[in-house]
Amino acid sequence: MSKIMISQSIMWAAAIIVTAISDELGWLWLTILAVMALGALRAENHKAATCLGHGLSSK
């Protein structure tokens, strides 16, 4: 779980920094990084739910 928290923090920080630096493409990069972050979070939640559903421990 801590790995997903670290990766989420890095993705959101990158999204904020890119938006602050780039005027023209800032919103595009923010959208792309936000979709990537939410997709990774969704995949991790699905993986955890699948492991717990089969009686396996989630690490």
N, C-alpha and C. Protein backbone atom coordinates (compact mmCIF):
# COMPACT_ATOMS: atom_id res chain seq x y z
N MET A 1 0.82 -1.20 0.00
CA MET A 1 0.00 0.00 0.00
C MET A 1 0.86 1.26 0.00
N SER A 2 2.03 1.20 0.65
CA SER A 2 2.86 2.39 0.69
C SER A 2 3.44 2.73 -0.68
N LYS A 3 3.66 1.71 -1.53
CA LYS A 3 4.17 1.97 -2.87
C LYS A 3 3.17 2.78 -3.68
N ILE A 4 1.89 2.45 -3.56
CA ILE A 4 0.88 3.18 -4.31
C ILE A 4 0.74 4.61 -3.80
N MET A 5 0.91 4.80 -2.50
CA MET A 5 0.85 6.15 -1.94
C MET A 5 2.01 7.00 -2.45
N ILE A 6 3.20 6.41 -2.52
CA ILE A 6 4.37 7.14 -3.02
C ILE A 6 4.19 7.48 -4.49
N SER A 7 3.76 6.51 -5.29
CA SER A 7 3.59 6.78 -6.72
C SER A 7 2.49 7.80 -6.98
N GLN A 8 1.42 7.76 -6.20
CA GLN A 8 0.36 8.75 -6.35
C GLN A 8 0.87 10.15 -6.01
N SER A 9 1.65 10.25 -4.94
CA SER A 9 2.21 11.54 -4.55
C SER A 9 3.12 12.10 -5.63
N ILE A 10 3.95 11.25 -6.21
CA ILE A 10 4.86 11.69 -7.26
C ILE A 10 4.09 12.14 -8.49
N MET A 11 3.07 11.38 -8.89
CA MET A 11 2.29 11.75 -10.08
C MET A 11 1.56 13.06 -9.89
N TRP A 12 0.95 13.26 -8.73
CA TRP A 12 0.22 14.50 -8.49
C TRP A 12 1.17 15.68 -8.37
N ALA A 13 2.34 15.48 -7.74
CA ALA A 13 3.32 16.56 -7.65
C ALA A 13 3.81 16.94 -9.05
N ALA A 14 4.07 15.94 -9.88
CA ALA A 14 4.51 16.21 -11.25
C ALA A 14 3.42 16.97 -12.01
N ALA A 15 2.18 16.59 -11.83
CA ALA A 15 1.08 17.28 -12.51
C ALA A 15 1.00 18.74 -12.10
N ILE A 16 1.17 19.01 -10.83
CA ILE A 16 1.09 20.40 -10.34
C ILE A 16 2.28 21.21 -10.84
N ILE A 17 3.47 20.62 -10.80
CA ILE A 17 4.67 21.34 -11.25
C ILE A 17 4.60 21.64 -12.74
N VAL A 18 4.18 20.66 -13.53
CA VAL A 18 4.09 20.87 -14.99
C VAL A 18 3.07 21.95 -15.30
N THR A 19 1.97 21.96 -14.59
CA THR A 19 0.95 22.98 -14.82
C THR A 19 1.47 24.37 -14.46
N ALA A 20 2.24 24.45 -13.39
CA ALA A 20 2.78 25.74 -12.97
C ALA A 20 3.84 26.26 -13.94
N ILE A 21 4.62 25.35 -14.53
CA ILE A 21 5.72 25.75 -15.41
C ILE A 21 5.23 26.07 -16.82
N SER A 22 4.40 25.21 -17.37
CA SER A 22 4.00 25.32 -18.77
C SER A 22 2.65 26.02 -18.89
N ASP A 23 2.63 27.14 -19.59
CA ASP A 23 1.38 27.87 -19.77
C ASP A 23 0.52 27.26 -20.88
N GLU A 24 1.16 26.88 -21.98
CA GLU A 24 0.39 26.43 -23.14
C GLU A 24 -0.19 25.04 -22.97
N LEU A 25 0.62 24.10 -22.54
CA LEU A 25 0.18 22.71 -22.47
C LEU A 25 -0.05 22.23 -21.03
N GLY A 26 -0.09 23.14 -20.10
CA GLY A 26 -0.23 22.78 -18.69
C GLY A 26 -1.48 21.96 -18.40
N TRP A 27 -2.60 22.39 -18.93
CA TRP A 27 -3.86 21.67 -18.64
C TRP A 27 -3.89 20.31 -19.32
N LEU A 28 -3.28 20.22 -20.49
CA LEU A 28 -3.20 18.92 -21.16
C LEU A 28 -2.36 17.95 -20.33
N TRP A 29 -1.18 18.40 -19.87
CA TRP A 29 -0.34 17.53 -19.05
C TRP A 29 -1.02 17.18 -17.73
N LEU A 30 -1.70 18.14 -17.14
CA LEU A 30 -2.42 17.87 -15.89
C LEU A 30 -3.47 16.79 -16.10
N THR A 31 -4.20 16.86 -17.20
CA THR A 31 -5.21 15.86 -17.51
C THR A 31 -4.59 14.49 -17.73
N ILE A 32 -3.50 14.45 -18.49
CA ILE A 32 -2.84 13.17 -18.77
C ILE A 32 -2.31 12.54 -17.49
N LEU A 33 -1.62 13.32 -16.68
CA LEU A 33 -1.06 12.77 -15.44
C LEU A 33 -2.15 12.38 -14.45
N ALA A 34 -3.24 13.13 -14.41
CA ALA A 34 -4.35 12.78 -13.52
C ALA A 34 -5.00 11.47 -13.95
N VAL A 35 -5.18 11.28 -15.24
CA VAL A 35 -5.76 10.02 -15.74
C VAL A 35 -4.83 8.85 -15.43
N MET A 36 -3.53 9.05 -15.60
CA MET A 36 -2.56 8.00 -15.28
C MET A 36 -2.60 7.66 -13.79
N ALA A 37 -2.66 8.67 -12.94
CA ALA A 37 -2.68 8.44 -11.50
C ALA A 37 -3.94 7.71 -11.08
N LEU A 38 -5.07 8.13 -11.61
CA LEU A 38 -6.33 7.47 -11.24
C LEU A 38 -6.40 6.06 -11.81
N GLY A 39 -5.85 5.85 -12.99
CA GLY A 39 -5.81 4.51 -13.57
C GLY A 39 -4.95 3.57 -12.74
N ALA A 40 -3.80 4.05 -12.28
CA ALA A 40 -2.93 3.24 -11.44
C ALA A 40 -3.59 2.92 -10.11
N LEU A 41 -4.27 3.88 -9.53
CA LEU A 41 -4.98 3.65 -8.28
C LEU A 41 -6.11 2.64 -8.46
N ARG A 42 -6.83 2.76 -9.55
CA ARG A 42 -7.92 1.82 -9.83
C ARG A 42 -7.38 0.41 -10.02
N ALA A 43 -6.26 0.27 -10.73
CA ALA A 43 -5.66 -1.04 -10.95
C ALA A 43 -5.19 -1.65 -9.64
N GLU A 44 -4.60 -0.84 -8.78
CA GLU A 44 -4.13 -1.33 -7.48
C GLU A 44 -5.29 -1.76 -6.60
N ASN A 45 -6.38 -1.00 -6.62
CA ASN A 45 -7.56 -1.38 -5.84
C ASN A 45 -8.17 -2.67 -6.36
N HIS A 46 -8.20 -2.83 -7.68
CA HIS A 46 -8.74 -4.05 -8.27
C HIS A 46 -7.86 -5.24 -7.90
N LYS A 47 -6.55 -5.04 -7.95
CA LYS A 47 -5.61 -6.10 -7.60
C LYS A 47 -5.77 -6.51 -6.14
N ALA A 48 -5.92 -5.54 -5.26
CA ALA A 48 -6.10 -5.82 -3.83
C ALA A 48 -7.42 -6.55 -3.58
N ALA A 49 -8.47 -6.14 -4.26
CA ALA A 49 -9.76 -6.78 -4.09
C ALA A 49 -9.73 -8.22 -4.60
N THR A 50 -9.02 -8.44 -5.70
CA THR A 50 -8.91 -9.79 -6.25
C THR A 50 -8.13 -10.69 -5.31
N CYS A 51 -7.02 -10.18 -4.76
CA CYS A 51 -6.22 -10.98 -3.83
C CYS A 51 -7.01 -11.32 -2.58
N LEU A 52 -7.74 -10.37 -2.05
CA LEU A 52 -8.52 -10.60 -0.85
C LEU A 52 -9.69 -11.55 -1.14
N GLY A 53 -10.22 -11.48 -2.35
CA GLY A 53 -11.31 -12.36 -2.73
C GLY A 53 -10.90 -13.82 -2.83
N HIS A 54 -9.63 -14.07 -3.11
CA HIS A 54 -9.13 -15.43 -3.23
C HIS A 54 -8.45 -15.89 -1.95
N GLY A 55 -8.52 -15.11 -0.90
CA GLY A 55 -7.94 -15.51 0.37
C GLY A 55 -6.43 -15.26 0.44
N LEU A 56 -5.89 -14.48 -0.49
CA LEU A 56 -4.47 -14.17 -0.47
C LEU A 56 -4.26 -12.86 0.26
N SER A 57 -3.13 -12.72 0.88
CA SER A 57 -2.84 -11.46 1.58
C SER A 57 -2.31 -10.44 0.58
N SER A 58 -2.71 -9.20 0.77
CA SER A 58 -2.27 -8.10 -0.09
C SER A 58 -1.07 -7.43 0.54
N LYS A 59 0.01 -7.22 -0.24
CA LYS A 59 1.21 -6.57 0.29
C LYS A 59 1.36 -5.20 -0.28
